Amino acid sequence: MASQLAQLLVESDLAELEEIVSRWLKEAPTEYVYKLSSKMGEKLIELKRQMERLPHPPRREDLELALSMMFDLALARKPGGDEG
């Protein structure tokens, strides 16, 4: 998933990203998936806006690594996760 999101951030402009997030919300099969997609979409759009302000955008590989680490942290903090 981190790889796909990194690619999306690097290859899509802000309008395309907003359209993709909108499609995620329309296609969400449950309220839980809708809320999760909405929150993730908000954060991705916020990140894309920040990236557009940088003189040199991050490399896809760097974004993928950062996203992977964030997902690992989120899973570890999830109730019932691997946090010891």
Protein backbone atom coordinates (compact mmCIF):
# COMPACT_ATOMS: atom_id res chain seq x y z
CA MET A 1 0.00 0.00 0.00
CA ALA A 2 2.85 2.40 0.81
CA SER A 3 4.26 1.88 -2.68
CA GLN A 4 0.93 2.66 -4.34
CA LEU A 5 0.37 5.78 -2.23
CA ALA A 6 3.91 7.03 -2.87
CA GLN A 7 3.38 6.58 -6.60
CA LEU A 8 0.06 8.40 -6.35
CA LEU A 9 1.67 11.33 -4.54
CA VAL A 10 4.52 11.62 -7.01
CA GLU A 11 2.65 11.08 -10.27
CA SER A 12 -0.67 12.85 -9.60
CA ASP A 13 -1.32 16.54 -9.36
CA LEU A 14 -3.52 17.91 -6.58
CA ALA A 15 -6.72 17.87 -8.66
CA GLU A 16 -6.16 14.24 -9.68
CA LEU A 17 -5.50 13.25 -6.08
CA GLU A 18 -8.69 14.99 -4.91
CA GLU A 19 -10.64 13.15 -7.62
CA ILE A 20 -9.19 9.80 -6.54
CA VAL A 21 -10.05 10.44 -2.89
CA SER A 22 -13.57 11.44 -3.92
CA ARG A 23 -13.90 8.14 -5.81
CA TRP A 24 -12.69 6.21 -2.73
CA LEU A 25 -15.45 7.83 -0.70
CA LYS A 26 -18.15 7.12 -3.29
CA GLU A 27 -17.08 3.47 -3.53
CA ALA A 28 -16.65 2.82 0.21
CA PRO A 29 -18.65 -0.31 1.03
CA THR A 30 -19.14 0.49 4.73
CA GLU A 31 -19.23 3.49 7.04
CA TYR A 32 -15.96 2.36 8.63
CA VAL A 33 -14.17 2.20 5.25
CA TYR A 34 -15.67 5.59 4.37
CA LYS A 35 -14.31 7.18 7.56
CA LEU A 36 -10.91 5.54 7.13
CA SER A 37 -10.70 6.60 3.47
CA SER A 38 -11.81 10.11 4.33
CA LYS A 39 -9.13 10.54 7.00
CA MET A 40 -6.40 9.02 4.85
CA GLY A 41 -7.48 11.11 1.88
CA GLU A 42 -7.38 14.31 3.93
CA LYS A 43 -3.83 13.53 5.07
CA LEU A 44 -2.65 12.63 1.57
CA ILE A 45 -4.06 15.85 0.15
CA GLU A 46 -2.44 17.82 2.97
CA LEU A 47 0.89 16.10 2.26
CA LYS A 48 0.57 16.77 -1.48
CA ARG A 49 -0.03 20.48 -0.79
CA GLN A 50 3.10 20.58 1.34
CA MET A 51 5.09 18.74 -1.32
CA GLU A 52 4.05 21.28 -3.95
CA ARG A 53 5.62 24.05 -1.85
CA LEU A 54 9.02 22.37 -1.74
CA PRO A 55 11.75 23.47 -4.15
CA HIS A 56 12.59 19.79 -4.75
CA PRO A 57 9.86 17.22 -4.11
CA PRO A 58 10.83 14.05 -2.25
CA ARG A 59 11.76 10.99 -4.24
CA ARG A 60 9.19 8.23 -4.59
CA GLU A 61 11.47 5.83 -2.71
CA ASP A 62 11.73 8.23 0.24
CA LEU A 63 7.96 8.67 0.37
CA GLU A 64 7.45 4.92 0.22
CA LEU A 65 9.83 4.38 3.13
CA ALA A 66 8.19 7.11 5.22
CA LEU A 67 4.68 5.79 4.51
CA SER A 68 5.74 2.23 5.36
CA MET A 69 7.15 3.39 8.68
CA MET A 70 3.98 5.35 9.46
CA PHE A 71 1.80 2.31 8.70
CA ASP A 72 3.99 0.14 10.96
CA LEU A 73 3.65 2.66 13.78
CA ALA A 74 -0.10 2.91 13.31
CA LEU A 75 -0.47 -0.87 13.46
CA ALA A 76 1.68 -1.06 16.59
CA ARG A 77 -0.48 1.54 18.34
CA LYS A 78 -3.76 -0.07 17.30
CA PRO A 79 -5.59 -1.77 20.19
CA GLY A 80 -4.65 -5.43 19.97
CA GLY A 81 -1.59 -4.59 17.83
CA ASP A 82 1.96 -5.80 18.40
CA GLU A 83 2.84 -3.05 20.88
CA GLY A 84 4.50 -4.68 23.86
